[in-house]
C-alpha atoms as a PDB file:
ATOM      1  CA  MET A   1     -55.378  46.170  -8.920  1.00  0.00           C
ATOM      2  CA  THR A   2     -58.165  43.756  -9.853  1.00  0.00           C
ATOM      3  CA  ASP A   3     -60.625  42.808  -7.148  1.00  0.00           C
ATOM      4  CA  LYS A   4     -60.727  39.007  -7.397  1.00  0.00           C
ATOM      5  CA  ALA A   5     -64.136  38.988  -5.727  1.00  0.00           C
ATOM      6  CA  THR A   6     -65.577  40.815  -8.724  1.00  0.00           C
ATOM      7  CA  GLU A   7     -63.773  38.851 -11.419  1.00  0.00           C
ATOM      8  CA  ALA A   8     -65.990  36.862 -13.756  1.00  0.00           C
ATOM      9  CA  PRO A   9     -65.872  33.142 -12.965  1.00  0.00           C
ATOM     10  CA  GLU A  10     -63.833  30.965 -15.286  1.00  0.00           C
ATOM     11  CA  LYS A  11     -66.052  29.486 -17.957  1.00  0.00           C
ATOM     12  CA  THR A  12     -66.664  25.759 -18.120  1.00  0.00           C
ATOM     13  CA  PRO A  13     -66.216  24.316 -21.621  1.00  0.00           C
ATOM     14  CA  ALA A  14     -69.243  22.369 -22.822  1.00  0.00           C
ATOM     15  CA  ASP A  15     -68.475  20.289 -25.897  1.00  0.00           C
ATOM     16  CA  PHE A  16     -71.584  19.789 -28.009  1.00  0.00           C
ATOM     17  CA  TRP A  17     -71.806  17.225 -30.841  1.00  0.00           C
ATOM     18  CA  PHE A  18     -74.612  17.828 -33.335  1.00  0.00           C
ATOM     19  CA  ASP A  19     -76.022  16.588 -36.613  1.00  0.00           C
ATOM     20  CA  PRO A  20     -77.690  19.496 -38.458  1.00  0.00           C
ATOM     21  CA  LEU A  21     -80.533  17.243 -39.600  1.00  0.00           C
ATOM     22  CA  CYS A  22     -81.873  16.490 -36.120  1.00  0.00           C
ATOM     23  CA  PRO A  23     -84.627  18.860 -34.934  1.00  0.00           C
ATOM     24  CA  TRP A  24     -84.232  17.697 -31.327  1.00  0.00           C
ATOM     25  CA  ALA A  25     -80.512  18.439 -31.331  1.00  0.00           C
ATOM     26  CA  TRP A  26     -81.447  21.852 -32.714  1.00  0.00           C
ATOM     27  CA  MET A  27     -83.757  22.474 -29.761  1.00  0.00           C
ATOM     28  CA  THR A  28     -81.023  21.456 -27.322  1.00  0.00           C
ATOM     29  CA  SER A  29     -78.510  23.695 -29.076  1.00  0.00           C
ATOM     30  CA  ARG A  30     -80.780  26.722 -28.712  1.00  0.00           C
ATOM     31  CA  TRP A  31     -81.091  25.923 -25.018  1.00  0.00           C
ATOM     32  CA  MET A  32     -77.295  25.754 -24.728  1.00  0.00           C
ATOM     33  CA  LEU A  33     -76.971  29.217 -26.260  1.00  0.00           C
ATOM     34  CA  GLU A  34     -79.328  30.409 -23.534  1.00  0.00           C
ATOM     35  CA  VAL A  35     -77.272  28.585 -20.882  1.00  0.00           C
ATOM     36  CA  GLU A  36     -74.217  30.553 -22.021  1.00  0.00           C
ATOM     37  CA  LYS A  37     -76.041  33.727 -21.011  1.00  0.00           C
ATOM     38  CA  VAL A  38     -76.973  32.594 -17.506  1.00  0.00           C
ATOM     39  CA  ARG A  39     -74.125  30.310 -16.435  1.00  0.00           C
ATOM     40  CA  PRO A  40     -70.323  30.553 -16.847  1.00  0.00           C
ATOM     41  CA  VAL A  41     -70.344  28.089 -19.743  1.00  0.00           C
ATOM     42  CA  GLU A  42     -68.711  28.241 -23.160  1.00  0.00           C
ATOM     43  CA  VAL A  43     -70.073  25.909 -25.848  1.00  0.00           C
ATOM     44  CA  ARG A  44     -67.602  24.287 -28.217  1.00  0.00           C
ATOM     45  CA  TRP A  45     -69.277  22.823 -31.281  1.00  0.00           C
ATOM     46  CA  HIS A  46     -68.457  19.507 -32.956  1.00  0.00           C
ATOM     47  CA  VAL A  47     -69.972  17.361 -35.686  1.00  0.00           C
ATOM     48  CA  MET A  48     -71.481  13.936 -35.230  1.00  0.00           C
ATOM     49  CA  SER A  49     -73.457  12.040 -37.848  1.00  0.00           C
ATOM     50  CA  LEU A  50     -76.690  10.092 -37.666  1.00  0.00           C
ATOM     51  CA  SER A  51     -75.699   8.582 -41.019  1.00  0.00           C
ATOM     52  CA  VAL A  52     -72.550   7.126 -39.454  1.00  0.00           C
ATOM     53  CA  LEU A  53     -74.385   6.099 -36.284  1.00  0.00           C
ATOM     54  CA  ASN A  54     -77.027   4.152 -38.219  1.00  0.00           C
ATOM     55  CA  GLU A  55     -74.739   2.468 -40.752  1.00  0.00           C
ATOM     56  CA  PRO A  56     -74.662  -0.887 -38.909  1.00  0.00           C
ATOM     57  CA  ARG A  57     -78.461  -1.179 -38.902  1.00  0.00           C
ATOM     58  CA  LEU A  58     -79.581   0.329 -42.203  1.00  0.00           C
ATOM     59  CA  ASN A  59     -81.211  -2.960 -43.204  1.00  0.00           C
ATOM     60  CA  GLU A  60     -83.427  -2.725 -40.112  1.00  0.00           C
ATOM     61  CA  LEU A  61     -84.682   0.803 -40.783  1.00  0.00           C
ATOM     62  CA  PRO A  62     -87.743   1.929 -42.759  1.00  0.00           C
ATOM     63  CA  GLU A  63     -86.995   2.945 -46.351  1.00  0.00           C
ATOM     64  CA  ARG A  64     -87.907   6.551 -45.595  1.00  0.00           C
ATOM     65  CA  TYR A  65     -85.301   6.737 -42.837  1.00  0.00           C
ATOM     66  CA  VAL A  66     -82.662   5.025 -44.979  1.00  0.00           C
ATOM     67  CA  LYS A  67     -83.109   7.741 -47.602  1.00  0.00           C
ATOM     68  CA  LEU A  68     -82.825  10.389 -44.885  1.00  0.00           C
ATOM     69  CA  MET A  69     -79.529   8.851 -43.763  1.00  0.00           C
ATOM     70  CA  GLU A  70     -78.253   8.946 -47.350  1.00  0.00           C
ATOM     71  CA  THR A  71     -78.984  12.666 -47.671  1.00  0.00           C
ATOM     72  CA  GLY A  72     -77.674  13.280 -44.159  1.00  0.00           C
ATOM     73  CA  TRP A  73     -74.074  13.043 -45.340  1.00  0.00           C
ATOM     74  CA  GLY A  74     -74.228  16.390 -47.154  1.00  0.00           C
ATOM     75  CA  PRO A  75     -74.657  18.801 -44.209  1.00  0.00           C
ATOM     76  CA  VAL A  76     -72.089  17.094 -41.956  1.00  0.00           C
ATOM     77  CA  ARG A  77     -69.541  17.046 -44.773  1.00  0.00           C
ATOM     78  CA  VAL A  78     -70.063  20.755 -45.324  1.00  0.00           C
ATOM     79  CA  CYS A  79     -69.689  21.487 -41.606  1.00  0.00           C
ATOM     80  CA  ILE A  80     -66.485  19.471 -41.363  1.00  0.00           C
ATOM     81  CA  ALA A  81     -65.069  21.066 -44.524  1.00  0.00           C
ATOM     82  CA  ALA A  82     -65.788  24.513 -43.070  1.00  0.00           C
ATOM     83  CA  GLU A  83     -64.148  23.577 -39.773  1.00  0.00           C
ATOM     84  CA  GLN A  84     -61.080  22.095 -41.448  1.00  0.00           C
ATOM     85  CA  ARG A  85     -60.548  25.115 -43.683  1.00  0.00           C
ATOM     86  CA  HIS A  86     -61.600  27.957 -41.398  1.00  0.00           C
ATOM     87  CA  GLY A  87     -61.243  26.694 -37.828  1.00  0.00           C
ATOM     88  CA  ASN A  88     -63.529  25.276 -35.163  1.00  0.00           C
ATOM     89  CA  GLU A  89     -64.819  28.735 -34.245  1.00  0.00           C
ATOM     90  CA  VAL A  90     -66.928  28.893 -37.446  1.00  0.00           C
ATOM     91  CA  LEU A  91     -69.008  25.821 -36.569  1.00  0.00           C
ATOM     92  CA  GLY A  92     -71.372  27.503 -34.118  1.00  0.00           C
ATOM     93  CA  ARG A  93     -72.543  30.210 -36.473  1.00  0.00           C
ATOM     94  CA  LEU A  94     -72.684  27.826 -39.448  1.00  0.00           C
ATOM     95  CA  TYR A  95     -74.817  25.400 -37.456  1.00  0.00           C
ATOM     96  CA  THR A  96     -77.144  28.258 -36.550  1.00  0.00           C
ATOM     97  CA  GLU A  97     -77.554  29.248 -40.200  1.00  0.00           C
ATOM     98  CA  ILE A  98     -78.070  25.689 -41.451  1.00  0.00           C
ATOM     99  CA  GLY A  99     -80.351  24.713 -38.578  1.00  0.00           C
ATOM    100  CA  THR A 100     -82.490  27.840 -38.916  1.00  0.00           C
ATOM    101  CA  ARG A 101     -83.154  26.953 -42.530  1.00  0.00           C
ATOM    102  CA  PHE A 102     -83.763  23.249 -41.922  1.00  0.00           C
ATOM    103  CA  HIS A 103     -85.956  23.530 -38.833  1.00  0.00           C
ATOM    104  CA  PRO A 104     -87.868  26.792 -38.138  1.00  0.00           C
ATOM    105  CA  GLN A 105     -87.961  27.632 -41.860  1.00  0.00           C
ATOM    106  CA  GLY A 106     -88.565  24.065 -43.055  1.00  0.00           C
ATOM    107  CA  ARG A 107     -86.222  24.455 -46.014  1.00  0.00           C
ATOM    108  CA  GLU A 108     -85.020  21.581 -48.179  1.00  0.00           C
ATOM    109  CA  ASN A 109     -81.732  19.837 -47.448  1.00  0.00           C
ATOM    110  CA  SER A 110     -80.030  20.864 -50.685  1.00  0.00           C
ATOM    111  CA  LYS A 111     -76.740  22.318 -51.861  1.00  0.00           C
ATOM    112  CA  GLU A 112     -78.540  25.576 -52.550  1.00  0.00           C
ATOM    113  CA  THR A 113     -79.763  25.806 -48.960  1.00  0.00           C
ATOM    114  CA  LEU A 114     -76.314  24.903 -47.654  1.00  0.00           C
ATOM    115  CA  ALA A 115     -74.634  27.495 -49.889  1.00  0.00           C
ATOM    116  CA  GLU A 116     -77.033  30.164 -48.649  1.00  0.00           C
ATOM    117  CA  ALA A 117     -76.296  29.210 -45.036  1.00  0.00           C
ATOM    118  CA  LEU A 118     -72.558  29.337 -45.678  1.00  0.00           C
ATOM    119  CA  VAL A 119     -72.754  32.846 -47.082  1.00  0.00           C
ATOM    120  CA  ALA A 120     -74.934  33.977 -44.168  1.00  0.00           C
ATOM    121  CA  ALA A 121     -72.267  32.577 -41.816  1.00  0.00           C
ATOM    122  CA  GLY A 122     -69.565  34.555 -43.597  1.00  0.00           C
ATOM    123  CA  LEU A 123     -68.076  31.518 -45.343  1.00  0.00           C
ATOM    124  CA  PRO A 124     -67.451  30.719 -49.029  1.00  0.00           C
ATOM    125  CA  ALA A 125     -70.501  29.358 -50.823  1.00  0.00           C
ATOM    126  CA  ASP A 126     -68.394  26.831 -52.713  1.00  0.00           C
ATOM    127  CA  LEU A 127     -67.922  24.861 -49.504  1.00  0.00           C
ATOM    128  CA  ALA A 128     -71.366  23.466 -50.355  1.00  0.00           C
ATOM    129  CA  ASP A 129     -69.617  21.303 -52.963  1.00  0.00           C
ATOM    130  CA  ALA A 130     -68.326  19.203 -50.055  1.00  0.00           C
ATOM    131  CA  ALA A 131     -71.856  17.797 -49.705  1.00  0.00           C
ATOM    132  CA  ASP A 132     -71.293  15.554 -52.729  1.00  0.00           C
ATOM    133  CA  SER A 133     -67.680  14.627 -51.959  1.00  0.00           C
ATOM    134  CA  THR A 134     -66.239  11.838 -49.842  1.00  0.00           C
ATOM    135  CA  GLU A 135     -63.100  13.927 -49.262  1.00  0.00           C
ATOM    136  CA  TRP A 136     -64.129  14.815 -45.713  1.00  0.00           C
ATOM    137  CA  ASP A 137     -65.686  11.516 -44.634  1.00  0.00           C
ATOM    138  CA  GLU A 138     -62.685  10.401 -42.596  1.00  0.00           C
ATOM    139  CA  GLN A 139     -62.842  13.623 -40.579  1.00  0.00           C
ATOM    140  CA  VAL A 140     -66.618  13.269 -40.175  1.00  0.00           C
ATOM    141  CA  ARG A 141     -66.145   9.775 -38.776  1.00  0.00           C
ATOM    142  CA  ALA A 142     -63.342  10.884 -36.465  1.00  0.00           C
ATOM    143  CA  SER A 143     -65.364  13.770 -35.011  1.00  0.00           C
ATOM    144  CA  HIS A 144     -68.386  11.498 -34.606  1.00  0.00           C
ATOM    145  CA  LYS A 145     -66.304   8.816 -32.867  1.00  0.00           C
ATOM    146  CA  THR A 146     -64.857  11.293 -30.381  1.00  0.00           C
ATOM    147  CA  GLY A 147     -68.345  12.260 -29.216  1.00  0.00           C
ATOM    148  CA  ILE A 148     -70.033   8.879 -29.324  1.00  0.00           C
ATOM    149  CA  ASP A 149     -67.162   7.145 -27.521  1.00  0.00           C
ATOM    150  CA  LEU A 150     -67.967   9.290 -24.488  1.00  0.00           C
ATOM    151  CA  VAL A 151     -71.509   7.959 -24.130  1.00  0.00           C
ATOM    152  CA  GLY A 152     -71.805   4.711 -26.111  1.00  0.00           C
ATOM    153  CA  GLN A 153     -73.566   3.577 -29.264  1.00  0.00           C
ATOM    154  CA  ASP A 154     -77.144   3.422 -27.965  1.00  0.00           C
ATOM    155  CA  VAL A 155     -77.773   7.179 -28.082  1.00  0.00           C
ATOM    156  CA  GLY A 156     -78.167   9.808 -30.794  1.00  0.00           C
ATOM    157  CA  THR A 157     -77.518  13.495 -31.193  1.00  0.00           C
ATOM    158  CA  PRO A 158     -76.753  15.708 -29.352  1.00  0.00           C
ATOM    159  CA  VAL A 159     -73.960  14.599 -27.060  1.00  0.00           C
ATOM    160  CA  ILE A 160     -72.697  17.083 -24.469  1.00  0.00           C
ATOM    161  CA  SER A 161     -69.524  16.707 -22.415  1.00  0.00           C
ATOM    162  CA  VAL A 162     -68.190  18.872 -19.584  1.00  0.00           C
ATOM    163  CA  PRO A 163     -65.166  18.320 -17.337  1.00  0.00           C
ATOM    164  CA  GLY A 164     -65.960  16.790 -13.970  1.00  0.00           C
ATOM    165  CA  ALA A 165     -64.436  17.789 -10.654  1.00  0.00           C
ATOM    166  CA  ASP A 166     -61.549  15.371 -11.195  1.00  0.00           C
ATOM    167  CA  GLY A 167     -61.030  16.496 -14.782  1.00  0.00           C
ATOM    168  CA  SER A 168     -62.587  13.427 -16.379  1.00  0.00           C
ATOM    169  CA  PRO A 169     -65.479  14.066 -18.776  1.00  0.00           C
ATOM    170  CA  ILE A 170     -69.116  14.017 -17.727  1.00  0.00           C
ATOM    171  CA  ALA A 171     -70.935  13.196 -20.952  1.00  0.00           C
ATOM    172  CA  PHE A 172     -74.578  12.613 -21.742  1.00  0.00           C
ATOM    173  CA  PHE A 173     -77.110  12.475 -24.565  1.00  0.00           C
ATOM    174  CA  GLY A 174     -79.692  15.250 -24.689  1.00  0.00           C
ATOM    175  CA  PRO A 175     -81.543  16.638 -22.870  1.00  0.00           C
ATOM    176  CA  VAL A 176     -84.475  16.318 -25.258  1.00  0.00           C
ATOM    177  CA  VAL A 177     -86.721  19.296 -24.546  1.00  0.00           C
ATOM    178  CA  THR A 178     -89.221  21.554 -26.273  1.00  0.00           C
ATOM    179  CA  PRO A 179     -89.562  24.459 -26.394  1.00  0.00           C
ATOM    180  CA  ALA A 180     -86.007  25.486 -25.538  1.00  0.00           C
ATOM    181  CA  PRO A 181     -86.053  26.929 -21.988  1.00  0.00           C
ATOM    182  CA  LYS A 182     -84.907  30.511 -21.556  1.00  0.00           C
ATOM    183  CA  GLY A 183     -83.499  32.591 -18.727  1.00  0.00           C
ATOM    184  CA  GLU A 184     -83.601  31.065 -15.281  1.00  0.00           C
ATOM    185  CA  ALA A 185     -85.510  28.039 -16.596  1.00  0.00           C
ATOM    186  CA  ALA A 186     -82.544  27.287 -18.864  1.00  0.00           C
ATOM    187  CA  ALA A 187     -80.190  27.650 -15.903  1.00  0.00           C
ATOM    188  CA  ARG A 188     -82.229  25.307 -13.715  1.00  0.00           C
ATOM    189  CA  LEU A 189     -82.304  22.640 -16.418  1.00  0.00           C
ATOM    190  CA  TRP A 190     -78.535  22.944 -16.857  1.00  0.00           C
ATOM    191  CA  ASP A 191     -77.903  22.648 -13.123  1.00  0.00           C
ATOM    192  CA  GLY A 192     -80.199  19.652 -12.830  1.00  0.00           C
ATOM    193  CA  THR A 193     -78.770  17.920 -15.883  1.00  0.00           C
ATOM    194  CA  LEU A 194     -75.249  18.241 -14.510  1.00  0.00           C
ATOM    195  CA  LEU A 195     -76.424  16.972 -11.135  1.00  0.00           C
ATOM    196  CA  VAL A 196     -77.893  13.748 -12.475  1.00  0.00           C
ATOM    197  CA  ALA A 197     -75.197  13.232 -15.137  1.00  0.00           C
ATOM    198  CA  SER A 198     -72.437  13.498 -12.538  1.00  0.00           C
ATOM    199  CA  THR A 199     -74.080  10.977 -10.189  1.00  0.00           C
ATOM    200  CA  PRO A 200     -72.108   7.702 -10.253  1.00  0.00           C
ATOM    201  CA  GLY A 201     -74.155   4.897 -11.742  1.00  0.00           C
ATOM    202  CA  PHE A 202     -76.835   7.177 -13.150  1.00  0.00           C
ATOM    203  CA  TYR A 203     -77.848   6.288 -16.715  1.00  0.00           C
ATOM    204  CA  GLU A 204     -81.294   7.344 -17.828  1.00  0.00           C
ATOM    205  CA  ILE A 205     -84.443   9.400 -17.315  1.00  0.00           C
ATOM    206  CA  LYS A 206     -87.039   9.151 -20.053  1.00  0.00           C
ATOM    207  CA  ARG A 207     -90.730   9.552 -20.817  1.00  0.00           C
ATOM    208  CA  THR A 208     -92.822   9.305 -23.984  1.00  0.00           C
ATOM    209  CA  ARG A 209     -92.756  12.407 -26.182  1.00  0.00           C
ATOM    210  CA  ASP A 210     -96.262  13.619 -26.917  1.00  0.00           C
ATOM    211  CA  VAL A 211     -95.381  16.802 -28.853  1.00  0.00           C
ATOM    212  CA  GLY A 212     -92.969  17.631 -31.632  1.00  0.00           C
ATOM    213  CA  PRO A 213     -90.245  20.287 -31.612  1.00  0.00           C
ATOM    214  CA  GLN A 214     -91.650  23.773 -30.996  1.00  0.00           C
ATOM    215  CA  PHE A 215     -89.326  26.203 -32.741  1.00  0.00           C
ATOM    216  CA  ASP A 216     -91.028  29.471 -31.765  1.00  0.00           C
END
């Protein structure tokens, strides 16, 4: 007979929408992997796209950022193609492989880098061809819309959503943090984030960033 007092608590699903290009989403994702170790949480990964998000205001953006949004289609297409062909469970490890190359390693956003990440994630290298194809754009937009509809258009990546006490989603952008907290510090940040996000009428805490992402 199982002693219910010693059973592991049921894990709370935390849906996490990411764009592989964003270094701040990368930092948050590494924190979420730490949260999984210290709280009964299971992260479910989903794609959103800064390229889609910024489409309505491309004419307002600096040329450098417009070019970044053009190249941003490649990684999200590859992620969606991998998910569609091999299941949602591959997204977490693929994101880790792509993000490690883009952010801590500072590698170029190229088909070669994406193909290398795919192989490292145990996926076919030829999925990198999706980077240059519009075949998956409808699915990219649909995944993006699911996440952004939870929080509204005036945020970026990442978006995190967890079920509230009544079953309705508690969704929020961020948190934006560097370096990614570990251990009990990660747990405290998770507990506090859920506390403020679940408060009716709560919308924003923010201060000026004075450092960049610290990957080590």
